[in-house]
Amino acid sequence: MTNHARSAAATAYVDAPSIIQEICWVAKQGAECRAKVMRSRAFWIRKAALFDRIAIKEAAMYVPEVAADVVEVAVVTARQLVSFDVEYNGLSLRGSELITGDDCREYVRQEYRKWRRSQRV
């Protein structure tokens, strides 16, 4: 990820709670009733955004080989949000085999921005 792309990605999280606060929220929600959490879009958005934010920071600090594991986790959690939205929110993935991990992470950022705006209303 270039510095410009990293900066643009980070702006998606400009008003986000701290990473530590989000880790606590995701862990607490994950420990609650599993069925309830599995149906919570907020959980999937916040979890995917959390790992995306961590990956952005790691990629900025280390060479790609060092950050590769956390970037892969960010891609996996981004795909979980995409899968949730396909199943529950009518997202269509025609040609989904063409969607890259970066596309999924950008989708997380887009959806996180929308979700955060809806929380302020």
C-alpha atoms as a PDB file:
ATOM      1  CA  MET A   1       0.000   0.000   0.000  1.00  0.00           C
ATOM      2  CA  THR A   2       1.429   3.369  -0.978  1.00  0.00           C
ATOM      3  CA  ASN A   3       1.629   6.231   1.501  1.00  0.00           C
ATOM      4  CA  HIS A   4      -1.199   8.007  -0.343  1.00  0.00           C
ATOM      5  CA  ALA A   5      -3.424   4.909  -0.286  1.00  0.00           C
ATOM      6  CA  ARG A   6      -2.610   4.329   3.388  1.00  0.00           C
ATOM      7  CA  SER A   7      -3.494   7.943   4.175  1.00  0.00           C
ATOM      8  CA  ALA A   8      -6.764   7.695   2.247  1.00  0.00           C
ATOM      9  CA  ALA A   9      -7.621   4.433   4.016  1.00  0.00           C
ATOM     10  CA  ALA A  10      -6.877   5.924   7.419  1.00  0.00           C
ATOM     11  CA  THR A  11      -9.303   8.794   6.792  1.00  0.00           C
ATOM     12  CA  ALA A  12     -12.135   6.278   6.893  1.00  0.00           C
ATOM     13  CA  TYR A  13     -11.391   5.899  10.586  1.00  0.00           C
ATOM     14  CA  VAL A  14     -10.690   9.515  11.502  1.00  0.00           C
ATOM     15  CA  ASP A  15     -13.501   9.663  14.094  1.00  0.00           C
ATOM     16  CA  ALA A  16     -13.334   6.023  15.160  1.00  0.00           C
ATOM     17  CA  PRO A  17     -12.868   5.008  18.792  1.00  0.00           C
ATOM     18  CA  SER A  18      -9.348   3.963  19.710  1.00  0.00           C
ATOM     19  CA  ILE A  19      -8.137   0.564  18.591  1.00  0.00           C
ATOM     20  CA  ILE A  20      -8.018  -0.564  22.224  1.00  0.00           C
ATOM     21  CA  GLN A  21     -11.665   0.486  22.765  1.00  0.00           C
ATOM     22  CA  GLU A  22     -12.681  -1.423  19.638  1.00  0.00           C
ATOM     23  CA  ILE A  23     -10.758  -4.535  20.702  1.00  0.00           C
ATOM     24  CA  CYS A  24     -12.659  -4.451  23.996  1.00  0.00           C
ATOM     25  CA  TRP A  25     -16.023  -3.949  22.265  1.00  0.00           C
ATOM     26  CA  VAL A  26     -15.429  -6.753  19.728  1.00  0.00           C
ATOM     27  CA  ALA A  27     -14.201  -9.140  22.435  1.00  0.00           C
ATOM     28  CA  LYS A  28     -17.176  -8.371  24.682  1.00  0.00           C
ATOM     29  CA  GLN A  29     -19.678  -8.797  21.857  1.00  0.00           C
ATOM     30  CA  GLY A  30     -17.993 -12.002  20.708  1.00  0.00           C
ATOM     31  CA  ALA A  31     -18.299 -13.410  24.236  1.00  0.00           C
ATOM     32  CA  GLU A  32     -22.049 -12.756  24.318  1.00  0.00           C
ATOM     33  CA  CYS A  33     -24.741 -14.913  22.780  1.00  0.00           C
ATOM     34  CA  ARG A  34     -23.166 -16.300  19.604  1.00  0.00           C
ATOM     35  CA  ALA A  35     -26.430 -16.370  17.615  1.00  0.00           C
ATOM     36  CA  LYS A  36     -27.138 -12.724  18.425  1.00  0.00           C
ATOM     37  CA  VAL A  37     -23.628 -11.644  17.416  1.00  0.00           C
ATOM     38  CA  MET A  38     -23.742 -13.594  14.165  1.00  0.00           C
ATOM     39  CA  ARG A  39     -26.777 -11.530  13.101  1.00  0.00           C
ATOM     40  CA  SER A  40     -25.285  -8.183  14.126  1.00  0.00           C
ATOM     41  CA  ARG A  41     -24.037  -6.135  11.185  1.00  0.00           C
ATOM     42  CA  ALA A  42     -22.485  -3.642  13.601  1.00  0.00           C
ATOM     43  CA  PHE A  43     -20.342  -6.455  14.989  1.00  0.00           C
ATOM     44  CA  TRP A  44     -19.048  -7.456  11.548  1.00  0.00           C
ATOM     45  CA  ILE A  45     -18.421  -3.851  10.476  1.00  0.00           C
ATOM     46  CA  ARG A  46     -16.573  -2.976  13.665  1.00  0.00           C
ATOM     47  CA  LYS A  47     -14.563  -6.215  13.674  1.00  0.00           C
ATOM     48  CA  ALA A  48     -13.528  -5.819  10.031  1.00  0.00           C
ATOM     49  CA  ALA A  49     -12.696  -2.135  10.541  1.00  0.00           C
ATOM     50  CA  LEU A  50     -10.657  -2.969  13.639  1.00  0.00           C
ATOM     51  CA  PHE A  51      -8.463  -5.444  11.788  1.00  0.00           C
ATOM     52  CA  ASP A  52      -8.219  -3.127   8.787  1.00  0.00           C
ATOM     53  CA  ARG A  53      -6.988  -0.328  11.064  1.00  0.00           C
ATOM     54  CA  ILE A  54      -4.429  -2.619  12.674  1.00  0.00           C
ATOM     55  CA  ALA A  55      -3.235  -3.763   9.233  1.00  0.00           C
ATOM     56  CA  ILE A  56      -2.886  -0.165   8.048  1.00  0.00           C
ATOM     57  CA  LYS A  57      -0.720   0.664  11.064  1.00  0.00           C
ATOM     58  CA  GLU A  58       1.387  -2.487  10.724  1.00  0.00           C
ATOM     59  CA  ALA A  59       1.918  -1.947   6.996  1.00  0.00           C
ATOM     60  CA  ALA A  60       3.066   1.613   7.694  1.00  0.00           C
ATOM     61  CA  MET A  61       5.561   0.483  10.320  1.00  0.00           C
ATOM     62  CA  TYR A  62       7.049  -2.677   8.836  1.00  0.00           C
ATOM     63  CA  VAL A  63       8.133  -4.206   5.553  1.00  0.00           C
ATOM     64  CA  PRO A  64       5.354  -6.088   3.740  1.00  0.00           C
ATOM     65  CA  GLU A  65       6.618  -9.522   4.800  1.00  0.00           C
ATOM     66  CA  VAL A  66       6.340  -8.593   8.487  1.00  0.00           C
ATOM     67  CA  ALA A  67       2.844  -7.122   8.116  1.00  0.00           C
ATOM     68  CA  ALA A  68       1.589  -9.926   5.838  1.00  0.00           C
ATOM     69  CA  ASP A  69      -0.124 -11.960   8.567  1.00  0.00           C
ATOM     70  CA  VAL A  70      -2.135  -9.048   9.957  1.00  0.00           C
ATOM     71  CA  VAL A  71      -3.026  -7.912   6.430  1.00  0.00           C
ATOM     72  CA  GLU A  72      -4.316 -11.422   5.702  1.00  0.00           C
ATOM     73  CA  VAL A  73      -6.453 -11.336   8.858  1.00  0.00           C
ATOM     74  CA  ALA A  74      -7.830  -7.964   7.717  1.00  0.00           C
ATOM     75  CA  VAL A  75      -8.762  -9.512   4.368  1.00  0.00           C
ATOM     76  CA  VAL A  76     -10.422 -12.501   6.058  1.00  0.00           C
ATOM     77  CA  THR A  77     -12.528 -10.290   8.333  1.00  0.00           C
ATOM     78  CA  ALA A  78     -13.378  -7.988   5.420  1.00  0.00           C
ATOM     79  CA  ARG A  79     -14.638 -11.018   3.486  1.00  0.00           C
ATOM     80  CA  GLN A  80     -16.725 -11.992   6.537  1.00  0.00           C
ATOM     81  CA  LEU A  81     -18.489  -8.627   6.349  1.00  0.00           C
ATOM     82  CA  VAL A  82     -18.998  -9.057   2.600  1.00  0.00           C
ATOM     83  CA  SER A  83     -20.435 -12.543   3.195  1.00  0.00           C
ATOM     84  CA  PHE A  84     -22.741 -11.196   5.900  1.00  0.00           C
ATOM     85  CA  ASP A  85     -24.005  -8.470   3.562  1.00  0.00           C
ATOM     86  CA  VAL A  86     -24.536 -10.956   0.755  1.00  0.00           C
ATOM     87  CA  GLU A  87     -26.588 -13.195   3.045  1.00  0.00           C
ATOM     88  CA  TYR A  88     -28.556 -10.596   4.996  1.00  0.00           C
ATOM     89  CA  ASN A  89     -28.464  -7.254   3.189  1.00  0.00           C
ATOM     90  CA  GLY A  90     -28.931  -8.063  -0.465  1.00  0.00           C
ATOM     91  CA  LEU A  91     -25.382  -7.334  -1.600  1.00  0.00           C
ATOM     92  CA  SER A  92     -24.897  -8.915  -5.010  1.00  0.00           C
ATOM     93  CA  LEU A  93     -21.507 -10.319  -5.891  1.00  0.00           C
ATOM     94  CA  ARG A  94     -21.932 -11.261  -9.505  1.00  0.00           C
ATOM     95  CA  GLY A  95     -18.421 -12.063 -10.643  1.00  0.00           C
ATOM     96  CA  SER A  96     -17.276 -12.274  -7.026  1.00  0.00           C
ATOM     97  CA  GLU A  97     -14.275 -14.341  -8.018  1.00  0.00           C
ATOM     98  CA  LEU A  98     -12.834 -11.076  -9.315  1.00  0.00           C
ATOM     99  CA  ILE A  99     -13.071  -9.309  -5.958  1.00  0.00           C
ATOM    100  CA  THR A 100      -9.665  -8.937  -4.347  1.00  0.00           C
ATOM    101  CA  GLY A 101      -8.807  -8.618  -0.700  1.00  0.00           C
ATOM    102  CA  ASP A 102      -8.093  -4.926  -1.285  1.00  0.00           C
ATOM    103  CA  ASP A 103     -11.588  -4.522  -2.771  1.00  0.00           C
ATOM    104  CA  CYS A 104     -13.095  -6.118   0.335  1.00  0.00           C
ATOM    105  CA  ARG A 105     -11.054  -3.894   2.643  1.00  0.00           C
ATOM    106  CA  GLU A 106     -12.162  -0.809   0.708  1.00  0.00           C
ATOM    107  CA  TYR A 107     -15.761  -2.028   1.079  1.00  0.00           C
ATOM    108  CA  VAL A 108     -15.207  -2.215   4.854  1.00  0.00           C
ATOM    109  CA  ARG A 109     -14.001   1.392   4.895  1.00  0.00           C
ATOM    110  CA  GLN A 110     -16.948   2.556   2.825  1.00  0.00           C
ATOM    111  CA  GLU A 111     -19.476   0.732   4.982  1.00  0.00           C
ATOM    112  CA  TYR A 112     -17.782   1.822   8.204  1.00  0.00           C
ATOM    113  CA  ARG A 113     -18.028   5.488   7.161  1.00  0.00           C
ATOM    114  CA  LYS A 114     -21.750   5.023   6.398  1.00  0.00           C
ATOM    115  CA  TRP A 115     -22.319   3.165   9.667  1.00  0.00           C
ATOM    116  CA  ARG A 116     -20.508   5.830  11.727  1.00  0.00           C
ATOM    117  CA  ARG A 117     -22.591   8.586  10.102  1.00  0.00           C
ATOM    118  CA  SER A 118     -25.777   6.685  10.928  1.00  0.00           C
ATOM    119  CA  GLN A 119     -24.689   6.425  14.571  1.00  0.00           C
ATOM    120  CA  ARG A 120     -24.427  10.202  14.897  1.00  0.00           C
ATOM    121  CA  VAL A 121     -27.993  10.856  13.772  1.00  0.00           C
END
